[in-house]
PDB file of N, CA and C in Angstrom:
ATOM      1  N   MET A   1      13.113 -83.851 129.324  1.00  0.00           N
ATOM      2  CA  MET A   1      12.472 -82.410 129.128  1.00  0.00           C
ATOM      3  C   MET A   1      12.711 -81.997 127.778  1.00  0.00           C
ATOM      4  N   LEU A   2      13.910 -82.060 127.203  1.00  0.00           N
ATOM      5  CA  LEU A   2      14.199 -81.659 125.910  1.00  0.00           C
ATOM      6  C   LEU A   2      13.432 -82.391 124.857  1.00  0.00           C
ATOM      7  N   SER A   3      13.279 -83.667 125.098  1.00  0.00           N
ATOM      8  CA  SER A   3      12.532 -84.428 124.036  1.00  0.00           C
ATOM      9  C   SER A   3      11.094 -84.046 124.030  1.00  0.00           C
ATOM     10  N   TRP A   4      10.406 -83.618 125.203  1.00  0.00           N
ATOM     11  CA  TRP A   4       9.087 -83.221 125.216  1.00  0.00           C
ATOM     12  C   TRP A   4       8.993 -81.789 124.462  1.00  0.00           C
ATOM     13  N   LEU A   5      10.027 -80.899 124.732  1.00  0.00           N
ATOM     14  CA  LEU A   5       9.918 -79.629 124.079  1.00  0.00           C
ATOM     15  C   LEU A   5      10.117 -79.849 122.496  1.00  0.00           C
ATOM     16  N   ALA A   6      11.004 -80.707 122.165  1.00  0.00           N
ATOM     17  CA  ALA A   6      11.117 -80.951 120.664  1.00  0.00           C
ATOM     18  C   ALA A   6       9.827 -81.561 119.997  1.00  0.00           C
ATOM     19  N   ALA A   7       9.153 -82.472 120.814  1.00  0.00           N
ATOM     20  CA  ALA A   7       8.018 -83.028 120.231  1.00  0.00           C
ATOM     21  C   ALA A   7       6.802 -82.100 120.174  1.00  0.00           C
ATOM     22  N   ASN A   8       6.835 -81.093 121.076  1.00  0.00           N
ATOM     23  CA  ASN A   8       5.717 -80.126 121.134  1.00  0.00           C
ATOM     24  C   ASN A   8       6.146 -78.626 120.642  1.00  0.00           C
ATOM     25  N   ALA A   9       7.265 -78.558 119.918  1.00  0.00           N
ATOM     26  CA  ALA A   9       7.712 -77.245 119.609  1.00  0.00           C
ATOM     27  C   ALA A   9       6.688 -76.510 118.691  1.00  0.00           C
ATOM     28  N   ALA A  10       6.078 -77.180 117.806  1.00  0.00           N
ATOM     29  CA  ALA A  10       5.090 -76.505 116.870  1.00  0.00           C
ATOM     30  C   ALA A  10       4.007 -75.952 117.626  1.00  0.00           C
ATOM     31  N   THR A  11       3.504 -76.764 118.578  1.00  0.00           N
ATOM     32  CA  THR A  11       2.310 -76.363 119.331  1.00  0.00           C
ATOM     33  C   THR A  11       2.698 -75.157 120.272  1.00  0.00           C
ATOM     34  N   ILE A  12       3.892 -75.229 120.798  1.00  0.00           N
ATOM     35  CA  ILE A  12       4.347 -74.070 121.690  1.00  0.00           C
ATOM     36  C   ILE A  12       4.494 -72.812 120.884  1.00  0.00           C
ATOM     37  N   LEU A  13       5.051 -72.872 119.723  1.00  0.00           N
ATOM     38  CA  LEU A  13       5.307 -71.745 118.931  1.00  0.00           C
ATOM     39  C   LEU A  13       3.962 -71.094 118.462  1.00  0.00           C
ATOM     40  N   ILE A  14       2.972 -72.016 118.056  1.00  0.00           N
ATOM     41  CA  ILE A  14       1.683 -71.420 117.564  1.00  0.00           C
ATOM     42  C   ILE A  14       0.946 -70.864 118.680  1.00  0.00           C
ATOM     43  N   SER A  15       0.971 -71.444 119.836  1.00  0.00           N
ATOM     44  CA  SER A  15       0.306 -70.894 121.127  1.00  0.00           C
ATOM     45  C   SER A  15       0.872 -69.634 121.511  1.00  0.00           C
ATOM     46  N   ALA A  16       2.280 -69.473 121.364  1.00  0.00           N
ATOM     47  CA  ALA A  16       2.907 -68.213 121.799  1.00  0.00           C
ATOM     48  C   ALA A  16       2.433 -67.082 120.844  1.00  0.00           C
ATOM     49  N   PHE A  17       2.404 -67.508 119.544  1.00  0.00           N
ATOM     50  CA  PHE A  17       2.059 -66.545 118.496  1.00  0.00           C
ATOM     51  C   PHE A  17       0.639 -66.014 118.752  1.00  0.00           C
ATOM     52  N   LEU A  18      -0.235 -66.944 118.951  1.00  0.00           N
ATOM     53  CA  LEU A  18      -1.658 -66.601 119.163  1.00  0.00           C
ATOM     54  C   LEU A  18      -1.923 -65.736 120.456  1.00  0.00           C
ATOM     55  N   LEU A  19      -1.199 -66.085 121.438  1.00  0.00           N
ATOM     56  CA  LEU A  19      -1.257 -65.280 122.613  1.00  0.00           C
ATOM     57  C   LEU A  19      -0.741 -63.905 122.515  1.00  0.00           C
ATOM     58  N   ALA A  20       0.399 -63.707 121.813  1.00  0.00           N
ATOM     59  CA  ALA A  20       0.877 -62.438 121.508  1.00  0.00           C
ATOM     60  C   ALA A  20      -0.066 -61.609 120.602  1.00  0.00           C
ATOM     61  N   LEU A  21      -0.743 -62.276 119.682  1.00  0.00           N
ATOM     62  CA  LEU A  21      -1.641 -61.514 118.841  1.00  0.00           C
ATOM     63  C   LEU A  21      -2.894 -61.095 119.594  1.00  0.00           C
ATOM     64  N   ILE A  22      -3.364 -61.945 120.579  1.00  0.00           N
ATOM     65  CA  ILE A  22      -4.536 -61.559 121.400  1.00  0.00           C
ATOM     66  C   ILE A  22      -4.115 -60.356 122.306  1.00  0.00           C
ATOM     67  N   VAL A  23      -2.873 -60.344 122.869  1.00  0.00           N
ATOM     68  CA  VAL A  23      -2.422 -59.311 123.767  1.00  0.00           C
ATOM     69  C   VAL A  23      -2.404 -58.002 122.960  1.00  0.00           C
ATOM     70  N   LEU A  24      -1.922 -58.056 121.684  1.00  0.00           N
ATOM     71  CA  LEU A  24      -1.791 -56.869 120.968  1.00  0.00           C
ATOM     72  C   LEU A  24      -3.203 -56.335 120.573  1.00  0.00           C
ATOM     73  N   ILE A  25      -4.102 -57.178 120.274  1.00  0.00           N
ATOM     74  CA  ILE A  25      -5.515 -56.761 119.948  1.00  0.00           C
ATOM     75  C   ILE A  25      -6.197 -56.080 121.141  1.00  0.00           C
ATOM     76  N   VAL A  26      -6.053 -56.650 122.324  1.00  0.00           N
ATOM     77  CA  VAL A  26      -6.602 -56.177 123.491  1.00  0.00           C
ATOM     78  C   VAL A  26      -6.012 -54.775 123.781  1.00  0.00           C
ATOM     79  N   ARG A  27      -4.652 -54.719 123.752  1.00  0.00           N
ATOM     80  CA  ARG A  27      -4.011 -53.426 123.937  1.00  0.00           C
ATOM     81  C   ARG A  27      -4.430 -52.433 123.076  1.00  0.00           C
ATOM     82  N   GLY A  28      -4.578 -52.683 121.771  1.00  0.00           N
ATOM     83  CA  GLY A  28      -5.036 -51.730 120.819  1.00  0.00           C
ATOM     84  C   GLY A  28      -6.427 -51.228 121.150  1.00  0.00           C
ATOM     85  N   LEU A  29      -7.329 -52.171 121.515  1.00  0.00           N
ATOM     86  CA  LEU A  29      -8.734 -51.766 121.889  1.00  0.00           C
ATOM     87  C   LEU A  29      -8.700 -50.882 123.064  1.00  0.00           C
ATOM     88  N   VAL A  30      -7.854 -51.177 124.090  1.00  0.00           N
ATOM     89  CA  VAL A  30      -7.823 -50.304 125.260  1.00  0.00           C
ATOM     90  C   VAL A  30      -7.328 -48.992 125.015  1.00  0.00           C
ATOM     91  N   ARG A  31      -6.190 -48.901 124.243  1.00  0.00           N
ATOM     92  CA  ARG A  31      -5.611 -47.633 123.895  1.00  0.00           C
ATOM     93  C   ARG A  31      -6.529 -46.867 123.076  1.00  0.00           C
ATOM     94  N   GLY A  32      -7.309 -47.465 122.162  1.00  0.00           N
ATOM     95  CA  GLY A  32      -8.244 -46.783 121.227  1.00  0.00           C
ATOM     96  C   GLY A  32      -9.416 -46.064 122.083  1.00  0.00           C
ATOM     97  N   ARG A  33      -9.849 -46.875 123.063  1.00  0.00           N
ATOM     98  CA  ARG A  33     -10.999 -46.382 123.930  1.00  0.00           C
ATOM     99  C   ARG A  33     -10.442 -45.238 124.754  1.00  0.00           C
ATOM    100  N   ILE A  34      -9.255 -45.270 125.278  1.00  0.00           N
ATOM    101  CA  ILE A  34      -8.661 -44.231 126.136  1.00  0.00           C
ATOM    102  C   ILE A  34      -8.495 -42.930 125.211  1.00  0.00           C
ATOM    103  N   LYS A  35      -7.890 -43.157 124.063  1.00  0.00           N
ATOM    104  CA  LYS A  35      -7.553 -42.135 123.165  1.00  0.00           C
ATOM    105  C   LYS A  35      -8.895 -41.364 122.688  1.00  0.00           C
ATOM    106  N   THR A  36      -9.915 -42.179 122.351  1.00  0.00           N
ATOM    107  CA  THR A  36     -11.129 -41.617 121.849  1.00  0.00           C
ATOM    108  C   THR A  36     -11.840 -40.822 123.016  1.00  0.00           C
ATOM    109  N   CYS A  37     -11.795 -41.307 124.333  1.00  0.00           N
ATOM    110  CA  CYS A  37     -12.495 -40.578 125.393  1.00  0.00           C
ATOM    111  C   CYS A  37     -11.732 -39.372 125.780  1.00  0.00           C
ATOM    112  N   ASP A  38     -10.294 -39.366 125.568  1.00  0.00           N
ATOM    113  CA  ASP A  38      -9.591 -38.195 125.938  1.00  0.00           C
ATOM    114  C   ASP A  38      -9.644 -37.089 124.864  1.00  0.00           C
ATOM    115  N   GLU A  39     -10.132 -37.327 123.652  1.00  0.00           N
ATOM    116  CA  GLU A  39     -10.298 -36.392 122.605  1.00  0.00           C
ATOM    117  C   GLU A  39     -11.161 -35.205 122.928  1.00  0.00           C
ATOM    118  N   CYS A  40     -12.242 -35.573 123.743  1.00  0.00           N
ATOM    119  CA  CYS A  40     -13.187 -34.484 124.087  1.00  0.00           C
ATOM    120  C   CYS A  40     -12.694 -33.565 125.117  1.00  0.00           C
ATOM    121  N   GLY A  41     -11.547 -33.976 125.825  1.00  0.00           N
ATOM    122  CA  GLY A  41     -10.948 -33.133 126.811  1.00  0.00           C
ATOM    123  C   GLY A  41     -11.452 -33.310 128.205  1.00  0.00           C
ATOM    124  N   SER A  42     -12.580 -34.082 128.401  1.00  0.00           N
ATOM    125  CA  SER A  42     -13.085 -34.229 129.753  1.00  0.00           C
ATOM    126  C   SER A  42     -12.505 -35.455 130.455  1.00  0.00           C
ATOM    127  N   GLY A  43     -11.609 -36.137 129.722  1.00  0.00           N
ATOM    128  CA  GLY A  43     -11.008 -37.380 130.413  1.00  0.00           C
ATOM    129  C   GLY A  43     -12.054 -38.501 130.729  1.00  0.00           C
ATOM    130  N   CYS A  44     -13.019 -38.750 129.849  1.00  0.00           N
ATOM    131  CA  CYS A  44     -14.133 -39.637 130.122  1.00  0.00           C
ATOM    132  C   CYS A  44     -15.054 -39.152 131.245  1.00  0.00           C
ATOM    133  N   GLY A  45     -15.251 -37.914 131.196  1.00  0.00           N
ATOM    134  CA  GLY A  45     -16.131 -37.303 132.237  1.00  0.00           C
ATOM    135  C   GLY A  45     -17.583 -37.401 131.552  1.00  0.00           C
ATOM    136  N   GLY A  46     -17.791 -37.797 130.371  1.00  0.00           N
ATOM    137  CA  GLY A  46     -19.134 -38.009 129.810  1.00  0.00           C
ATOM    138  C   GLY A  46     -19.663 -36.864 128.973  1.00  0.00           C
ATOM    139  N   CYS A  47     -18.741 -36.214 128.222  1.00  0.00           N
ATOM    140  CA  CYS A  47     -19.197 -35.116 127.303  1.00  0.00           C
ATOM    141  C   CYS A  47     -20.079 -35.805 126.162  1.00  0.00           C
ATOM    142  N   SER A  48     -20.885 -34.984 125.528  1.00  0.00           N
ATOM    143  CA  SER A  48     -21.722 -35.600 124.518  1.00  0.00           C
ATOM    144  C   SER A  48     -20.952 -35.850 123.270  1.00  0.00           C
ATOM    145  N   ALA A  49     -19.781 -35.257 123.051  1.00  0.00           N
ATOM    146  CA  ALA A  49     -19.039 -35.480 121.834  1.00  0.00           C
ATOM    147  C   ALA A  49     -18.273 -36.753 121.841  1.00  0.00           C
ATOM    148  N   CYS A  50     -18.074 -37.274 122.981  1.00  0.00           N
ATOM    149  CA  CYS A  50     -17.310 -38.594 123.140  1.00  0.00           C
ATOM    150  C   CYS A  50     -18.277 -39.804 122.767  1.00  0.00           C
ATOM    151  N   LYS A  51     -17.718 -40.603 121.791  1.00  0.00           N
ATOM    152  CA  LYS A  51     -18.578 -41.677 121.354  1.00  0.00           C
ATOM    153  C   LYS A  51     -18.780 -42.734 122.295  1.00  0.00           C
ATOM    154  N   PHE A  52     -17.913 -42.748 123.441  1.00  0.00           N
ATOM    155  CA  PHE A  52     -18.096 -43.662 124.512  1.00  0.00           C
ATOM    156  C   PHE A  52     -18.701 -42.994 125.753  1.00  0.00           C
ATOM    157  N   SER A  53     -19.405 -41.792 125.560  1.00  0.00           N
ATOM    158  CA  SER A  53     -19.824 -41.121 126.771  1.00  0.00           C
ATOM    159  C   SER A  53     -20.751 -41.864 127.691  1.00  0.00           C
ATOM    160  N   GLU A  54     -21.586 -42.785 127.177  1.00  0.00           N
ATOM    161  CA  GLU A  54     -22.481 -43.480 127.943  1.00  0.00           C
ATOM    162  C   GLU A  54     -21.708 -44.494 128.869  1.00  0.00           C
ATOM    163  N   SER A  55     -20.651 -45.123 128.289  1.00  0.00           N
ATOM    164  CA  SER A  55     -19.938 -46.086 129.084  1.00  0.00           C
ATOM    165  C   SER A  55     -18.858 -45.432 129.953  1.00  0.00           C
ATOM    166  N   CYS A  56     -18.433 -44.324 129.607  1.00  0.00           N
ATOM    167  CA  CYS A  56     -17.386 -43.593 130.359  1.00  0.00           C
ATOM    168  C   CYS A  56     -17.912 -42.880 131.651  1.00  0.00           C
ATOM    169  N   ARG A  57     -19.235 -42.674 131.611  1.00  0.00           N
ATOM    170  CA  ARG A  57     -19.789 -41.788 132.780  1.00  0.00           C
ATOM    171  C   ARG A  57     -19.663 -42.578 134.065  1.00  0.00           C
ATOM    172  N   GLY A  58     -19.685 -43.956 133.992  1.00  0.00           N
ATOM    173  CA  GLY A  58     -19.693 -44.640 135.181  1.00  0.00           C
ATOM    174  C   GLY A  58     -18.287 -44.786 135.760  1.00  0.00           C
ATOM    175  N   ASN A  59     -17.262 -44.483 135.040  1.00  0.00           N
ATOM    176  CA  ASN A  59     -15.900 -44.751 135.442  1.00  0.00           C
ATOM    177  C   ASN A  59     -15.301 -43.503 136.193  1.00  0.00           C
TER     178      ASN A  59
END
């Protein structure tokens, strides 16, 4: 088992880094959408000032 880990250490580290990067990007996109929709005060109720008003109305 240790020999397999040693032989594939670079691949494992790069994969872990890329996975963490993807998670951070998705988390930032979700937080940005929530923050933007909450700025208008309606909590994604679909106010006209919200730049996501069309996509938030269905939620």
